[in-house]
Protein backbone atom coordinates (compact mmCIF):
# COMPACT_ATOMS: atom_id res chain seq x y z
CA MET A 1 -52.94 -87.23 24.31
CA VAL A 2 -55.62 -89.69 25.39
CA LEU A 3 -55.92 -90.87 21.81
CA VAL A 4 -52.15 -91.40 21.57
CA SER A 5 -52.12 -93.35 24.82
CA ALA A 6 -55.02 -95.48 23.68
CA LEU A 7 -53.33 -96.14 20.35
CA LEU A 8 -50.08 -97.05 22.11
CA ALA A 9 -51.93 -99.42 24.43
CA LEU A 10 -53.63 -101.01 21.44
CA ILE A 11 -50.30 -101.57 19.67
CA ILE A 12 -48.68 -103.02 22.77
CA GLY A 13 -51.72 -105.23 23.36
CA TYR A 14 -51.56 -106.48 19.80
CA PHE A 15 -47.89 -107.48 20.08
CA ALA A 16 -48.40 -108.82 23.60
CA PHE A 17 -51.33 -111.18 22.97
CA THR A 18 -50.84 -112.34 19.37
CA SER A 19 -48.37 -114.95 18.18
CA THR A 20 -44.81 -113.73 18.44
CA THR A 21 -42.89 -116.85 17.40
CA LYS A 22 -41.19 -117.17 14.03
CA PHE A 23 -39.63 -120.64 14.28
CA THR A 24 -41.13 -123.35 12.05
CA SER A 25 -40.98 -126.38 14.37
CA LYS A 26 -43.79 -127.30 16.78
CA SER A 27 -41.72 -126.03 19.68
CA THR A 28 -38.24 -124.84 20.55
CA THR A 29 -36.16 -124.57 23.69
CA PHE A 30 -33.79 -122.04 25.16
CA ILE A 31 -31.52 -122.03 28.19
CA ILE A 32 -31.12 -119.21 30.69
CA ASP A 33 -27.98 -119.40 32.76
CA ASN A 34 -27.50 -115.68 33.39
CA ILE A 35 -30.34 -113.41 34.61
CA ASN A 36 -29.65 -110.39 32.42
CA LYS A 37 -32.65 -108.80 30.70
CA GLN A 38 -30.72 -107.67 27.62
CA GLN A 39 -29.04 -111.06 27.14
CA ILE A 40 -32.33 -112.91 27.63
CA SER A 41 -34.25 -110.71 25.20
CA ASN A 42 -31.43 -110.92 22.63
CA LEU A 43 -31.44 -114.72 22.95
CA LEU A 44 -35.19 -114.89 22.37
CA VAL A 45 -34.89 -112.70 19.27
CA GLU A 46 -31.98 -114.78 17.90
CA LYS A 47 -33.97 -118.00 18.33
CA ASN A 48 -37.04 -116.45 16.64
CA ILE A 49 -39.06 -116.85 19.84
CA ILE A 50 -40.09 -113.18 20.08
CA SER A 51 -40.52 -110.73 17.23
CA ASN A 52 -40.66 -107.51 19.26
CA LYS A 53 -37.90 -107.02 21.81
CA THR A 54 -39.17 -103.61 22.91
CA VAL A 55 -42.62 -104.89 23.89
CA PHE A 56 -41.09 -107.89 25.65
CA LEU A 57 -38.79 -105.70 27.75
CA TRP A 58 -41.54 -103.16 28.50
CA ILE A 59 -43.99 -105.80 29.76
CA GLY A 60 -41.20 -107.68 31.54
CA ASN A 61 -40.28 -104.53 33.44
CA ALA A 62 -43.93 -103.74 34.17
CA VAL A 63 -44.67 -107.11 35.78
CA GLY A 64 -41.24 -107.46 37.40
CA ILE A 65 -40.13 -110.81 36.00
CA TRP A 66 -36.39 -110.25 36.20
CA GLU A 67 -36.15 -111.00 39.93
CA LYS A 68 -38.30 -114.11 39.56
CA ILE A 69 -36.74 -115.86 36.57
CA LYS A 70 -35.03 -119.16 37.39
CA PRO A 71 -31.98 -120.37 35.49
CA GLY A 72 -32.77 -123.43 33.44
CA LYS A 73 -34.21 -124.77 30.21
CA TYR A 74 -37.54 -123.52 28.86
CA GLU A 75 -39.75 -124.71 26.03
CA VAL A 76 -41.92 -122.44 23.87
CA LYS A 77 -44.60 -123.81 21.57
CA LYS A 78 -45.19 -122.39 18.10
CA GLY A 79 -47.74 -119.56 18.13
CA GLU A 80 -47.10 -118.50 21.73
CA SER A 81 -47.58 -114.85 22.65
CA ILE A 82 -45.22 -112.51 24.51
CA ILE A 83 -47.62 -112.54 27.46
CA GLY A 84 -47.55 -116.35 27.50
CA ILE A 85 -43.74 -116.39 27.43
CA ILE A 86 -43.52 -113.81 30.21
CA LYS A 87 -45.95 -115.80 32.38
CA MET A 88 -43.86 -118.91 31.82
CA LEU A 89 -40.69 -117.11 32.90
CA LYS A 90 -42.37 -115.42 35.87
CA ASN A 91 -43.81 -118.72 37.13
CA GLY A 92 -40.56 -120.61 36.56
CA ARG A 93 -42.15 -123.29 34.37
CA LEU A 94 -38.97 -125.13 33.42
CA ALA A 95 -38.96 -127.68 30.62
CA GLU A 96 -37.93 -131.25 31.30
CA SER A 97 -34.81 -132.67 29.72
CA LYS A 98 -34.83 -136.32 28.75
CA LEU A 99 -32.06 -138.72 29.62
CA VAL A 100 -32.55 -141.59 27.20
CA ILE A 101 -30.32 -144.50 28.13
CA ASN A 102 -30.02 -147.14 25.45
CA LYS A 103 -26.86 -149.15 24.90
CA LEU A 104 -23.79 -147.55 26.44
CA ARG A 105 -20.42 -149.27 26.37
CA VAL A 106 -17.93 -146.99 28.10
CA LYS A 107 -18.10 -144.22 30.69
CA GLU A 108 -17.38 -141.61 28.03
CA ASP A 109 -20.70 -142.55 26.36
CA PHE A 110 -22.63 -141.66 29.51
CA ALA A 111 -20.59 -138.49 30.06
CA LYS A 112 -21.39 -137.27 26.54
CA LEU A 113 -25.06 -138.13 26.98
CA VAL A 114 -25.35 -136.13 30.20
CA SER A 115 -23.37 -133.12 28.96
CA LYS A 116 -25.48 -132.99 25.78
CA ASN A 117 -28.77 -132.76 27.69
CA PHE A 118 -27.86 -131.12 31.01
CA SER A 119 -25.77 -128.34 32.48
CA THR A 120 -23.11 -130.71 33.85
CA ASP A 121 -20.09 -130.99 31.53
CA SER A 122 -18.56 -134.32 30.49
CA VAL A 123 -15.36 -133.75 32.48
CA THR A 124 -17.35 -133.48 35.70
CA VAL A 125 -19.30 -136.64 34.83
CA MET A 126 -16.09 -138.58 34.15
CA GLN A 127 -14.59 -137.40 37.42
CA PHE A 128 -17.69 -138.66 39.23
CA LEU A 129 -17.73 -142.04 37.45
CA THR A 130 -14.05 -142.63 38.16
CA SER A 131 -14.18 -141.62 41.83
CA THR A 132 -14.56 -144.42 44.36
CA ASP A 133 -15.66 -141.88 46.97
CA SER A 134 -18.44 -140.52 44.71
CA LEU A 135 -19.76 -144.00 43.97
CA LYS A 136 -19.50 -145.44 47.47
CA MET A 137 -23.06 -144.52 48.49
CA TYR A 138 -24.45 -146.61 45.61
CA ALA A 139 -22.49 -149.76 46.61
CA VAL A 140 -20.69 -149.83 43.25
CA ASP A 141 -17.16 -149.12 42.12
CA THR A 142 -15.60 -147.71 38.96
CA ASN A 143 -16.01 -151.08 37.23
CA THR A 144 -19.60 -151.84 38.25
CA VAL A 145 -21.05 -148.33 38.05
CA PHE A 146 -22.98 -149.20 34.88
CA THR A 147 -25.05 -151.71 36.87
CA LEU A 148 -26.90 -148.62 38.16
CA PHE A 149 -28.18 -147.86 34.66
CA ILE A 150 -31.37 -149.61 33.62
CA PRO A 151 -31.98 -148.50 30.01
CA ASP A 152 -35.09 -146.32 29.92
CA THR A 153 -36.14 -142.68 29.47
CA TYR A 154 -35.70 -140.49 32.54
CA ALA A 155 -36.93 -136.91 32.97
CA PHE A 156 -35.03 -134.18 34.82
CA TYR A 157 -34.61 -130.44 34.64
CA TRP A 158 -31.70 -129.14 32.56
CA ASN A 159 -29.81 -127.88 35.62
CA THR A 160 -30.43 -130.94 37.81
CA PRO A 161 -27.18 -131.69 39.69
CA LEU A 162 -25.38 -134.88 38.67
CA ARG A 163 -25.78 -136.33 42.16
CA LYS A 164 -29.58 -136.06 41.87
CA ILE A 165 -29.49 -137.70 38.44
CA MET A 166 -27.47 -140.58 39.85
CA ASN A 167 -29.79 -140.87 42.84
CA LYS A 168 -32.80 -141.25 40.55
CA LEU A 169 -31.01 -143.84 38.40
CA ASN A 170 -30.10 -145.78 41.54
CA GLU A 171 -33.72 -145.63 42.71
CA ALA A 172 -34.91 -146.91 39.32
CA LYS A 173 -32.38 -149.74 39.51
CA ASN A 174 -33.64 -150.78 42.95
CA ASN A 175 -37.25 -150.67 41.74
CA PHE A 176 -36.33 -152.81 38.74
CA TRP A 177 -34.75 -155.54 40.84
CA ASN A 178 -37.50 -155.50 43.44
CA ASN A 179 -40.16 -156.22 40.81
CA ASN A 180 -41.21 -159.43 39.01
CA ASN A 181 -39.33 -161.72 41.41
CA ARG A 182 -36.03 -160.70 39.88
CA LEU A 183 -34.11 -160.94 43.17
CA GLU A 184 -35.50 -164.42 43.80
CA LYS A 185 -34.63 -165.55 40.28
CA SER A 186 -31.13 -164.15 40.63
CA LYS A 187 -30.64 -166.03 43.90
CA ALA A 188 -31.90 -169.26 42.32
CA ILE A 189 -29.26 -168.97 39.58
CA GLY A 190 -26.62 -168.36 42.23
CA LEU A 191 -25.58 -164.93 41.03
CA SER A 192 -26.01 -161.46 42.51
CA PRO A 193 -28.12 -158.91 40.62
CA GLU A 194 -24.87 -157.11 39.68
CA ASN A 195 -23.45 -160.33 38.24
CA ILE A 196 -26.69 -161.05 36.38
CA TYR A 197 -26.37 -157.56 34.87
CA ILE A 198 -22.75 -158.23 33.85
CA LEU A 199 -23.72 -161.54 32.28
CA ALA A 200 -26.63 -159.90 30.47
CA SER A 201 -24.26 -157.28 29.05
CA ILE A 202 -22.25 -160.08 27.42
CA VAL A 203 -25.36 -161.83 26.10
CA GLU A 204 -26.61 -158.49 24.75
CA GLU A 205 -23.46 -158.18 22.64
CA GLU A 206 -23.51 -161.76 21.36
CA THR A 207 -26.66 -161.62 19.22
CA ASN A 208 -29.89 -159.75 18.59
CA TYR A 209 -31.99 -162.91 18.40
CA LYS A 210 -34.15 -163.51 21.46
CA GLU A 211 -34.19 -167.30 21.09
CA ASP A 212 -30.41 -167.53 20.92
CA ARG A 213 -29.87 -165.05 23.74
CA ALA A 214 -31.71 -167.34 26.14
CA LYS A 215 -29.62 -170.36 25.10
CA ILE A 216 -26.37 -168.36 25.20
CA ALA A 217 -27.25 -167.27 28.73
CA SER A 218 -27.70 -170.93 29.68
CA VAL A 219 -24.27 -171.77 28.22
CA TYR A 220 -22.56 -169.07 30.27
CA ILE A 221 -24.44 -169.99 33.44
CA ASN A 222 -23.39 -173.63 32.96
CA ARG A 223 -19.79 -172.57 32.40
CA LEU A 224 -19.78 -170.45 35.53
CA HIS A 225 -21.16 -173.31 37.60
CA LYS A 226 -18.48 -175.66 36.21
CA ASN A 227 -15.72 -173.09 36.78
CA MET A 228 -14.96 -173.01 33.06
CA PRO A 229 -13.72 -169.82 31.38
CA LEU A 230 -16.54 -168.00 29.61
CA GLN A 231 -14.45 -167.42 26.48
CA ALA A 232 -16.86 -164.69 25.37
CA CYS A 233 -15.75 -162.84 22.25
CA PRO A 234 -17.54 -159.58 23.15
CA THR A 235 -15.31 -159.26 26.21
CA ILE A 236 -12.27 -159.28 23.91
CA LYS A 237 -13.72 -156.39 21.93
CA TYR A 238 -14.31 -154.54 25.18
CA ALA A 239 -10.82 -155.32 26.45
CA MET A 240 -9.36 -153.87 23.25
CA LYS A 241 -11.90 -151.00 23.15
CA ASP A 242 -12.50 -151.89 19.51
CA PHE A 243 -16.21 -152.56 19.05
CA ALA A 244 -15.97 -152.70 15.27
CA LEU A 245 -14.08 -156.01 15.30
CA THR A 246 -15.89 -158.62 13.22
CA ARG A 247 -13.44 -161.45 13.84
CA ILE A 248 -11.48 -162.43 16.94
CA TYR A 249 -8.01 -163.66 16.04
CA GLU A 250 -5.73 -165.75 18.24
CA LYS A 251 -3.41 -162.80 18.79
CA TYR A 252 -6.22 -160.90 20.54
CA LEU A 253 -6.69 -163.61 23.15
CA VAL A 254 -3.43 -162.80 24.96
CA ASN A 255 -4.65 -159.36 25.97
CA PRO A 256 -3.86 -159.06 29.72
CA SER A 257 -7.07 -157.15 30.49
CA PRO A 258 -9.23 -158.51 33.34
CA TYR A 259 -12.07 -158.33 30.80
CA ASN A 260 -10.41 -161.03 28.70
CA THR A 261 -12.59 -164.02 29.61
CA TYR A 262 -10.34 -166.34 27.60
CA ARG A 263 -7.54 -165.79 30.13
CA VAL A 264 -9.51 -165.00 33.29
CA LYS A 265 -12.15 -167.35 34.65
CA GLY A 266 -15.48 -166.05 35.86
CA LEU A 267 -17.28 -162.89 34.98
CA PRO A 268 -15.36 -159.72 34.07
CA PRO A 269 -15.12 -157.06 36.79
CA GLY A 270 -17.95 -155.01 35.29
CA PRO A 271 -20.53 -154.91 32.48
CA ILE A 272 -19.35 -154.39 28.91
CA CYS A 273 -22.49 -152.44 28.00
CA THR A 274 -25.86 -151.47 29.41
CA PRO A 275 -28.10 -154.43 28.54
CA SER A 276 -31.79 -153.93 27.85
CA PRO A 277 -34.27 -154.89 30.58
CA LYS A 278 -35.56 -157.60 28.22
CA CYS A 279 -32.10 -159.11 27.95
CA ILE A 280 -31.67 -159.05 31.74
CA ASP A 281 -34.98 -160.90 32.05
CA LEU A 282 -33.88 -163.41 29.42
CA VAL A 283 -30.85 -164.22 31.56
CA LEU A 284 -32.99 -164.47 34.70
CA ASN A 285 -35.35 -166.83 32.87
CA ALA A 286 -32.69 -168.75 30.94
CA PRO A 287 -33.70 -172.36 30.21
CA GLN A 288 -31.93 -175.17 32.00
CA THR A 289 -29.77 -176.89 29.40
CA ASP A 290 -26.62 -179.00 29.20
CA TYR A 291 -25.09 -176.74 26.56
CA LEU A 292 -21.49 -175.72 27.11
CA PHE A 293 -20.55 -174.45 23.64
CA PHE A 294 -22.02 -172.42 20.81
CA VAL A 295 -20.82 -171.09 17.47
CA ALA A 296 -22.42 -169.00 14.72
CA ASN A 297 -24.06 -170.95 11.92
CA ALA A 298 -21.99 -171.33 8.76
CA ASN A 299 -24.82 -169.94 6.62
CA PHE A 300 -24.54 -166.57 8.43
CA ASP A 301 -28.25 -166.48 9.29
CA GLY A 302 -27.42 -164.85 12.62
CA TYR A 303 -28.29 -167.89 14.69
CA HIS A 304 -25.98 -170.32 16.50
CA HIS A 305 -25.39 -174.04 16.90
CA PHE A 306 -25.31 -175.22 20.51
CA SER A 307 -23.42 -178.28 21.73
CA THR A 308 -23.00 -180.22 24.95
CA ASN A 309 -19.51 -181.50 24.08
CA TYR A 310 -16.39 -180.08 22.50
CA ALA A 311 -16.12 -182.64 19.67
CA GLU A 312 -19.49 -181.65 18.23
CA HIS A 313 -18.79 -177.98 18.80
CA ASN A 314 -15.42 -178.19 17.08
CA LYS A 315 -17.02 -179.74 14.00
CA TYR A 316 -19.40 -176.81 13.59
CA ALA A 317 -16.70 -174.31 14.54
CA ILE A 318 -14.51 -175.58 11.70
CA GLU A 319 -17.42 -175.30 9.27
CA TYR A 320 -18.02 -171.72 10.36
CA GLN A 321 -14.34 -170.76 10.08
CA LYS A 322 -14.15 -172.21 6.56
CA ALA A 323 -17.27 -170.30 5.51
CA LEU A 324 -15.90 -167.13 7.07
CA ASP A 325 -12.53 -167.54 5.33
CA LEU A 326 -14.30 -168.01 2.00
CA TYR A 327 -16.52 -164.99 2.58
CA THR A 328 -13.56 -162.83 3.58
CA ALA A 329 -11.56 -163.92 0.50
CA LYS A 330 -14.47 -163.15 -1.85
CA LYS A 331 -14.99 -159.77 -0.24
CA LYS A 332 -11.31 -158.94 -0.52
CA GLU A 333 -11.27 -159.98 -4.18
CA LYS A 334 -14.35 -157.87 -4.91
CA ASN A 335 -12.87 -154.82 -3.24
CA SER A 336 -9.61 -155.16 -5.17
CA LYS A 337 -11.37 -154.93 -8.53
């Protein structure tokens, strides 16, 4: 009997302290949202995290983990033992979930991002983003809510409530504006931080070239100061919710949306994307110029020609339109063959 017990202890010890994982990646994650020992053990077997369910349950019962497990997301590294996994569960060592904010254009983008990485579903996120009452504490409305989002990587737990996620994003936004004299620079331009953010969102969508972004920012700042319409093509794409448009035709310019900066003077009511911190800083540090117009170069090199008067601008605009018409015709002919 003693020999049998010793042999049994040896077998259990072997399965308990040696590698139990069978997945091939460096690590894997699993989510516990219901504290049920059978469901948890079945989940771990299905995800190739444990290879011996019986040993896992026996040790789990022996150390009493079931009353101590916290709902949430956990991460297991390749080669972990059953004992290691049980300690992790007993101590409630939750894994962090990353919220990586890059360029977002519409609220649905953020809702999908949150629901993909956290326990909050996209419907709940949309309800929050479209509720004036929910947003009131952040001094934003349903149009300006994106000004809370400074693109970066943020770490939370999987089951972090949406309100806490928003609180952290708001804190990060405040820290961003309170650093590097950004508030002072914004005041010198004559725009609020929210309006700088909105302007940066337009500049972000105009071009990827740093040199041109700075000049484009100066054009729009000059236009705002002269009470001229911005006439920014990216705002037309946003107004139409068609971000694949490659050419803005005259018929698009009659869109009644408040985001149509051809019809409505001043900045649109909210950002048209989440601009990068670098682009925001480019706007804050935009050079002082007399430029009032710009148009893409006719050689399609991605850069723009900047002008101080409409006559010069119109000359280059006509050149660009001719080049674009020729390019479009050649492409159409090629596709028809």
